[in-house]
Amino acid sequence: MKRLVLLSTALAVLAAGLGTPRASLARDDRSAQALASPAASPSDSAELAQLTAARDRLQADLPLVQQRAGHDVAFGLGVRLLADMDTVRDAGQPPDGYTQAELSEHVSGIVRLDTKLADEMLSGTVETPATVHGLDERLMRSADGTLQPYAIYVPAGANSRSPLIVLLHGLQQTEVELLSAPYLHQLADATNAIVVAPWGRGIYDYAPPASGDVYQIAGDVRAAFGLSPHRVFLAGYSMGGFTVYKIAPMHPEIWSGVMSVSGAILSSETADVSYRLRSTPIYVVTGSNDKTVPAAYGEETAGFLAAAGLPVSFYEQHGGTHSLATLVPSLTLAWNDMLSGRVRQSNIPIGLGKPPTSEPGGAAVKN
């Protein structure tokens, strides 16, 4: 699902990590600008009205939001509400892999969760994830004292034996946009898996301190539901599919499996991954017609990992694009294999052992 170019700009600013007093003043101005424009028109839909009202509430108490979440996160919240408005306005013809009903469900989930996020940020509410049923948004108090959001989906039959999947979103995407996808709910329901998606402060590649948030959220959710430490998995899509190779080696003992969807390992990470994830099953999913992260990235990743002796499985969806919805058949197979610990090494590309040196840049993700 397309996001505003403004969101890409915001993420780039957040990734820059401005830190001087002058930059702090600039962040105050950017937060106000992001929350102040544009105004709602009389013809706006009910969902646009909800988002506009949420933006107005944040604007009214902007200093409080900045105090609780940090200046850059406050700016990012304003920008994502504007991007949500763009998503609502663009929600016409269903994209590849969607029915009209699924698109409506997806957009409604985005609006509901981001509206709730605004209210939670204003109230400072930190609720236990143990009370979640279905799709919801929660705040956690990070190690630096700020409030950081994450989306969570809990199937009706979830219990202490459920697996936990930590899912990292793509660039120009939020945790809410990713986890509101109906096909992910269907996968979670079918496997009784609890899925949690950290926002990561909008920082590119979940660089610190966002990486610490990933581990804190995983620990908090696992403890809240009394889940087994041996059934915790890391997955990522697009940017998140690259980032798993950065996050997982930090504490490899946490993860029972790692999945990269429409992502790849970079040559700068091969030594760390080869050593620290040498016993961790890795699942690589790609689409044969992906123009954003070409299939060669996934093929080269799987070929390298197999040549290095790691337990890797590879899934290439025929006709699949960078839209995650077009990869659902292969994603489902990889998801089920990961949760069961099955490794398929029979379809690994042969003779491909040189991972890419950098990520492809500039293109938006699509759910």
Protein backbone atom coordinates (compact mmCIF):
# COMPACT_ATOMS: atom_id res chain seq x y z
CA MET A 1 0.00 0.00 0.00
CA LYS A 2 1.49 3.32 -1.07
CA ARG A 3 2.61 5.82 1.54
CA LEU A 4 3.17 9.54 1.23
CA VAL A 5 6.55 10.72 -0.02
CA LEU A 6 6.41 12.86 3.11
CA LEU A 7 6.76 9.72 5.22
CA SER A 8 9.93 8.78 3.36
CA THR A 9 11.31 12.26 4.03
CA ALA A 10 10.40 11.99 7.69
CA LEU A 11 12.10 8.63 8.07
CA ALA A 12 15.23 10.03 6.45
CA VAL A 13 15.20 12.91 8.93
CA LEU A 14 14.66 10.54 11.85
CA ALA A 15 17.50 8.32 10.66
CA ALA A 16 19.82 11.33 10.55
CA GLY A 17 19.65 11.51 14.35
CA LEU A 18 19.77 15.30 14.78
CA GLY A 19 21.00 16.09 18.27
CA THR A 20 22.16 19.69 18.73
CA PRO A 21 20.12 22.29 20.66
CA ARG A 22 19.41 24.10 17.36
CA ALA A 23 18.31 20.83 15.81
CA SER A 24 16.05 20.28 18.81
CA LEU A 25 14.31 23.58 18.10
CA ALA A 26 13.97 22.54 14.46
CA ARG A 27 12.35 19.29 15.58
CA ASP A 28 9.83 21.28 17.62
CA ASP A 29 8.94 23.23 14.47
CA ARG A 30 8.73 20.08 12.33
CA SER A 31 6.42 18.40 14.86
CA ALA A 32 4.06 21.36 14.81
CA GLN A 33 4.08 21.50 11.00
CA ALA A 34 3.43 17.77 10.66
CA LEU A 35 0.49 17.96 13.04
CA ALA A 36 -1.00 21.22 11.77
CA SER A 37 -1.68 20.63 8.07
CA PRO A 38 -3.84 20.03 6.08
CA ALA A 39 -7.27 20.83 7.48
CA ALA A 40 -10.18 18.47 6.98
CA SER A 41 -12.78 19.38 4.36
CA PRO A 42 -16.55 18.92 4.77
CA SER A 43 -16.45 16.05 2.26
CA ASP A 44 -13.95 13.99 4.23
CA SER A 45 -15.03 10.50 5.19
CA ALA A 46 -15.61 9.35 8.76
CA GLU A 47 -12.16 7.74 8.78
CA LEU A 48 -10.51 10.97 7.64
CA ALA A 49 -12.44 12.80 10.34
CA GLN A 50 -11.11 10.36 12.96
CA LEU A 51 -7.54 10.90 11.81
CA THR A 52 -7.96 14.67 11.68
CA ALA A 53 -9.37 14.71 15.21
CA ALA A 54 -6.46 12.57 16.45
CA ARG A 55 -3.99 14.93 14.78
CA ASP A 56 -5.71 17.92 16.37
CA ARG A 57 -5.52 16.32 19.83
CA LEU A 58 -1.82 15.70 19.41
CA GLN A 59 -1.31 19.26 18.17
CA ALA A 60 -3.09 20.67 21.19
CA ASP A 61 -0.72 18.91 23.60
CA LEU A 62 2.40 18.71 21.44
CA PRO A 63 4.88 19.57 24.25
CA LEU A 64 3.47 16.70 26.32
CA VAL A 65 3.87 14.27 23.41
CA GLN A 66 7.44 15.46 22.84
CA GLN A 67 8.21 14.95 26.53
CA ARG A 68 6.79 11.43 26.58
CA ALA A 69 8.01 10.10 23.24
CA GLY A 70 10.89 12.36 22.26
CA HIS A 71 10.91 15.10 19.64
CA ASP A 72 11.62 12.90 16.63
CA VAL A 73 8.97 10.35 17.55
CA ALA A 74 6.45 13.16 18.08
CA PHE A 75 7.25 14.42 14.59
CA GLY A 76 6.93 10.91 13.21
CA LEU A 77 3.50 10.47 14.79
CA GLY A 78 2.25 13.61 13.09
CA VAL A 79 3.64 12.50 9.75
CA ARG A 80 2.14 9.02 9.95
CA LEU A 81 -1.32 10.49 10.64
CA LEU A 82 -0.96 12.57 7.48
CA ALA A 83 0.20 9.48 5.60
CA ASP A 84 -2.81 7.58 6.92
CA MET A 85 -5.05 10.28 5.48
CA ASP A 86 -3.38 9.76 2.12
CA THR A 87 -3.92 6.00 2.45
CA VAL A 88 -7.65 6.51 3.13
CA ARG A 89 -8.01 8.83 0.15
CA ASP A 90 -6.17 6.37 -2.12
CA ALA A 91 -8.17 3.32 -0.99
CA GLY A 92 -10.07 2.71 -4.21
CA GLN A 93 -9.17 -0.14 -6.51
CA PRO A 94 -7.76 -3.07 -4.49
CA PRO A 95 -4.03 -3.70 -5.13
CA ASP A 96 -2.68 -7.08 -6.24
CA GLY A 97 -3.54 -9.83 -3.80
CA TYR A 98 -6.46 -7.98 -2.16
CA THR A 99 -10.23 -8.15 -2.38
CA GLN A 100 -12.24 -4.98 -1.79
CA ALA A 101 -13.33 -6.33 1.60
CA GLU A 102 -9.72 -7.07 2.61
CA LEU A 103 -8.63 -3.60 1.56
CA SER A 104 -11.41 -2.02 3.61
CA GLU A 105 -10.47 -4.15 6.63
CA HIS A 106 -6.82 -3.19 6.24
CA VAL A 107 -7.49 0.54 6.01
CA SER A 108 -9.95 0.45 8.92
CA GLY A 109 -7.32 -1.28 11.05
CA ILE A 110 -4.78 1.43 10.26
CA VAL A 111 -7.20 4.21 11.17
CA ARG A 112 -8.36 2.52 14.39
CA LEU A 113 -4.87 1.74 15.68
CA ASP A 114 -3.25 5.05 14.83
CA THR A 115 -6.19 6.93 16.35
CA LYS A 116 -5.83 4.84 19.48
CA LEU A 117 -2.08 5.45 19.50
CA ALA A 118 -2.64 9.20 19.61
CA ASP A 119 -4.96 8.85 22.62
CA GLU A 120 -2.58 6.48 24.42
CA MET A 121 0.32 8.85 23.88
CA LEU A 122 -1.69 11.74 25.30
CA SER A 123 -2.86 9.78 28.33
CA GLY A 124 0.51 8.11 28.90
CA THR A 125 -1.26 4.76 29.17
CA VAL A 126 1.01 1.69 29.24
CA GLU A 127 -1.26 -1.36 29.21
CA THR A 128 -0.13 -4.95 29.52
CA PRO A 129 -0.25 -6.85 26.22
CA ALA A 130 -1.81 -9.76 28.09
CA THR A 131 -5.27 -8.16 27.71
CA VAL A 132 -5.10 -7.94 23.90
CA HIS A 133 -7.57 -9.91 21.77
CA GLY A 134 -7.13 -9.67 18.01
CA LEU A 135 -5.38 -6.61 16.54
CA ASP A 136 -4.33 -3.79 18.84
CA GLU A 137 -1.74 -1.10 19.50
CA ARG A 138 0.20 -0.73 22.75
CA LEU A 139 2.86 1.51 24.23
CA MET A 140 5.88 0.33 26.15
CA ARG A 141 8.20 2.38 28.33
CA SER A 142 11.59 2.01 26.71
CA ALA A 143 14.89 1.77 28.53
CA ASP A 144 15.48 5.49 27.88
CA GLY A 145 12.19 6.36 29.58
CA THR A 146 10.27 7.27 26.42
CA LEU A 147 6.98 5.72 25.33
CA GLN A 148 7.30 3.66 22.15
CA PRO A 149 4.47 2.06 20.15
CA TYR A 150 4.08 -1.45 18.83
CA ALA A 151 1.27 -3.31 17.10
CA ILE A 152 0.21 -6.75 18.27
CA TYR A 153 -2.11 -9.47 17.03
CA VAL A 154 -3.32 -12.18 19.41
CA PRO A 155 -5.42 -15.07 18.00
CA ALA A 156 -8.53 -16.17 19.86
CA GLY A 157 -6.89 -19.46 20.84
CA ALA A 158 -3.58 -18.03 22.04
CA ASN A 159 -2.11 -19.64 25.15
CA SER A 160 1.25 -20.24 26.82
CA ARG A 161 2.18 -22.73 24.07
CA SER A 162 1.74 -20.17 21.29
CA PRO A 163 4.81 -19.13 19.30
CA LEU A 164 5.83 -15.47 19.30
CA ILE A 165 6.83 -13.82 16.03
CA VAL A 166 8.50 -10.40 16.12
CA LEU A 167 7.84 -8.75 12.75
CA LEU A 168 9.91 -5.82 11.41
CA HIS A 169 8.25 -3.47 8.92
CA GLY A 170 9.54 -1.95 5.69
CA LEU A 171 10.71 1.54 4.77
CA GLN A 172 7.90 4.08 4.22
CA GLN A 173 5.72 1.79 6.33
CA THR A 174 4.64 1.62 9.97
CA GLU A 175 4.05 -1.32 12.25
CA VAL A 176 0.33 -0.60 12.06
CA GLU A 177 0.21 -0.67 8.27
CA LEU A 178 2.07 -3.97 8.17
CA LEU A 179 0.21 -5.82 10.91
CA SER A 180 -3.24 -4.59 9.82
CA ALA A 181 -2.96 -6.84 6.74
CA PRO A 182 -5.75 -9.46 6.89
CA TYR A 183 -3.58 -12.26 5.46
CA LEU A 184 -1.20 -11.93 8.42
CA HIS A 185 -4.15 -12.36 10.79
CA GLN A 186 -5.13 -15.49 8.88
CA LEU A 187 -1.60 -16.89 9.20
CA ALA A 188 -1.52 -16.10 12.91
CA ASP A 189 -4.95 -17.65 13.46
CA ALA A 190 -4.02 -20.82 11.58
CA THR A 191 -0.87 -21.34 13.65
CA ASN A 192 -2.06 -19.79 16.94
CA ALA A 193 0.92 -17.42 16.75
CA ILE A 194 1.13 -14.13 18.62
CA VAL A 195 2.65 -11.51 16.31
CA VAL A 196 4.17 -8.26 17.54
CA ALA A 197 5.49 -5.47 15.30
CA PRO A 198 7.67 -2.71 16.83
CA TRP A 199 7.62 0.72 15.20
CA GLY A 200 11.31 1.21 15.92
CA ARG A 201 10.88 5.00 16.25
CA GLY A 202 10.85 5.30 12.45
CA ILE A 203 14.63 4.81 12.45
CA TYR A 204 16.12 3.28 9.32
CA ASP A 205 17.10 -0.39 9.77
CA TYR A 206 16.01 -0.26 13.44
CA ALA A 207 19.38 1.23 14.36
CA PRO A 208 19.97 1.92 18.08
CA PRO A 209 18.08 2.73 20.19
CA ALA A 210 15.33 1.08 18.10
CA SER A 211 17.15 -2.26 18.15
CA GLY A 212 16.90 -2.26 21.93
CA ASP A 213 13.17 -1.63 21.65
CA VAL A 214 12.84 -4.79 19.52
CA TYR A 215 14.36 -6.95 22.23
CA GLN A 216 12.48 -5.23 25.04
CA ILE A 217 9.12 -5.68 23.30
CA ALA A 218 9.90 -9.34 22.59
CA GLY A 219 10.73 -9.90 26.26
CA ASP A 220 7.72 -7.98 27.56
CA VAL A 221 5.23 -9.82 25.34
CA ARG A 222 6.76 -13.23 26.04
CA ALA A 223 6.58 -12.60 29.79
CA ALA A 224 3.02 -11.23 29.64
CA PHE A 225 1.70 -14.42 28.02
CA GLY A 226 4.07 -16.85 29.77
CA LEU A 227 5.42 -18.04 26.41
CA SER A 228 8.24 -20.50 25.95
CA PRO A 229 11.67 -18.92 25.37
CA HIS A 230 12.25 -21.66 22.80
CA ARG A 231 9.46 -20.52 20.46
CA VAL A 232 10.42 -16.92 19.70
CA PHE A 233 11.04 -16.00 16.06
CA LEU A 234 12.24 -12.91 14.17
CA ALA A 235 10.81 -11.99 10.77
CA GLY A 236 11.02 -8.91 8.56
CA TYR A 237 9.63 -7.59 5.30
CA SER A 238 11.46 -5.38 2.77
CA MET A 239 13.70 -3.10 4.89
CA GLY A 240 12.82 -5.39 7.78
CA GLY A 241 13.94 -8.34 5.65
CA PHE A 242 17.38 -6.77 5.47
CA THR A 243 17.33 -5.70 9.11
CA VAL A 244 16.82 -9.21 10.52
CA TYR A 245 20.44 -9.94 9.59
CA LYS A 246 21.50 -6.99 11.77
CA ILE A 247 19.13 -7.55 14.71
CA ALA A 248 19.27 -11.35 15.09
CA PRO A 249 23.07 -11.64 15.60
CA MET A 250 22.93 -9.19 18.52
CA HIS A 251 21.36 -11.86 20.74
CA PRO A 252 21.15 -15.05 18.65
CA GLU A 253 20.14 -17.16 21.63
CA ILE A 254 16.73 -15.43 21.66
CA TRP A 255 15.63 -16.62 18.21
CA SER A 256 14.47 -20.10 17.27
CA GLY A 257 14.27 -19.07 13.61
CA VAL A 258 14.70 -16.02 11.37
CA MET A 259 12.68 -15.13 8.26
CA SER A 260 13.64 -12.57 5.62
CA VAL A 261 10.84 -11.61 3.20
CA SER A 262 11.79 -9.45 0.20
CA GLY A 263 15.12 -8.71 1.87
CA ALA A 264 18.71 -9.98 1.85
CA ILE A 265 21.94 -10.26 3.75
CA LEU A 266 24.60 -7.71 2.81
CA SER A 267 28.25 -8.61 2.33
CA SER A 268 29.18 -6.50 5.39
CA GLU A 269 27.07 -8.79 7.60
CA THR A 270 28.15 -12.19 6.32
CA ALA A 271 30.87 -12.87 8.89
CA ASP A 272 28.66 -11.97 11.86
CA VAL A 273 25.67 -13.93 10.58
CA SER A 274 27.75 -16.96 9.56
CA TYR A 275 29.20 -17.27 13.05
CA ARG A 276 26.44 -16.10 15.36
CA LEU A 277 23.48 -17.67 13.49
CA ARG A 278 25.30 -20.83 12.43
CA SER A 279 22.72 -23.04 14.19
CA THR A 280 19.62 -20.89 13.62
CA PRO A 281 17.25 -21.91 10.81
CA ILE A 282 16.86 -19.07 8.28
CA TYR A 283 13.95 -18.74 5.84
CA VAL A 284 14.31 -16.58 2.72
CA VAL A 285 11.19 -15.54 0.75
CA THR A 286 11.17 -13.55 -2.50
CA GLY A 287 9.00 -12.85 -5.53
CA SER A 288 10.17 -13.67 -9.04
CA ASN A 289 8.81 -10.34 -10.38
CA ASP A 290 9.96 -8.09 -7.54
CA LYS A 291 11.24 -4.85 -9.12
CA THR A 292 12.06 -3.17 -5.81
CA VAL A 293 14.24 -5.87 -4.22
CA PRO A 294 14.95 -8.16 -7.19
CA ALA A 295 14.72 -11.91 -6.67
CA ALA A 296 18.48 -12.15 -7.19
CA TYR A 297 18.95 -10.60 -3.75
CA GLY A 298 17.12 -13.46 -2.06
CA GLU A 299 18.68 -16.07 -4.34
CA GLU A 300 22.20 -14.84 -3.58
CA THR A 301 21.42 -14.71 0.13
CA ALA A 302 20.15 -18.28 0.23
CA GLY A 303 23.06 -19.49 -1.90
CA PHE A 304 25.62 -17.85 0.38
CA LEU A 305 24.04 -19.10 3.61
CA ALA A 306 23.84 -22.65 2.26
CA ALA A 307 27.45 -22.56 1.08
CA ALA A 308 28.46 -21.32 4.54
CA GLY A 309 26.78 -24.36 6.09
CA LEU A 310 23.84 -22.59 7.72
CA PRO A 311 20.39 -24.25 7.88
CA VAL A 312 18.54 -22.22 5.24
CA SER A 313 15.32 -22.67 3.28
CA PHE A 314 14.43 -20.72 0.14
CA TYR A 315 11.01 -19.84 -1.31
CA GLU A 316 10.51 -17.96 -4.58
CA GLN A 317 6.92 -17.08 -5.39
CA HIS A 318 6.30 -17.34 -9.13
CA GLY A 319 4.86 -14.05 -10.32
CA GLY A 320 5.25 -12.49 -6.88
CA THR A 321 6.11 -8.80 -6.71
CA HIS A 322 7.22 -6.54 -3.86
CA SER A 323 3.62 -6.50 -2.65
CA LEU A 324 3.58 -8.80 0.35
CA ALA A 325 0.04 -9.89 -0.53
CA THR A 326 1.34 -11.49 -3.75
CA LEU A 327 3.77 -13.67 -1.77
CA VAL A 328 1.19 -15.26 0.54
CA PRO A 329 1.49 -18.87 -0.79
CA SER A 330 5.28 -18.92 -0.29
CA LEU A 331 5.04 -16.88 2.90
CA THR A 332 2.58 -19.41 4.31
CA LEU A 333 4.89 -22.33 3.52
CA ALA A 334 7.90 -20.56 5.02
CA TRP A 335 5.88 -19.47 8.08
CA ASN A 336 4.73 -23.02 8.77
CA ASP A 337 8.22 -24.44 8.20
CA MET A 338 9.76 -21.90 10.56
CA LEU A 339 7.31 -22.64 13.36
CA SER A 340 7.82 -26.39 12.97
CA GLY A 341 11.61 -26.15 12.63
CA ARG A 342 11.61 -27.73 9.18
CA VAL A 343 14.51 -26.85 6.87
CA ARG A 344 14.15 -27.32 3.08
CA GLN A 345 17.56 -27.34 1.43
CA SER A 346 16.57 -29.06 -1.81
CA ASN A 347 15.64 -25.88 -3.68
CA ILE A 348 18.59 -23.63 -2.76
CA PRO A 349 20.01 -21.79 -5.81
CA ILE A 350 23.30 -23.40 -6.79
CA GLY A 351 26.47 -21.45 -7.40
CA LEU A 352 25.20 -18.14 -5.98
CA GLY A 353 27.48 -17.23 -3.12
CA LYS A 354 28.07 -13.46 -3.34
CA PRO A 355 25.57 -11.39 -1.34
CA PRO A 356 24.84 -7.80 -2.44
CA THR A 357 26.94 -4.99 -1.03
CA SER A 358 24.05 -2.57 -0.47
CA GLU A 359 20.28 -2.32 -0.35
CA PRO A 360 18.36 -1.07 -3.39
CA GLY A 361 17.09 2.42 -2.61
CA GLY A 362 14.29 4.81 -3.21
CA ALA A 363 11.22 2.65 -3.78
CA ALA A 364 8.17 2.42 -1.55
CA VAL A 365 7.02 -0.81 0.02
CA LYS A 366 3.63 -2.28 -0.79
CA ASN A 367 1.63 -4.52 1.50
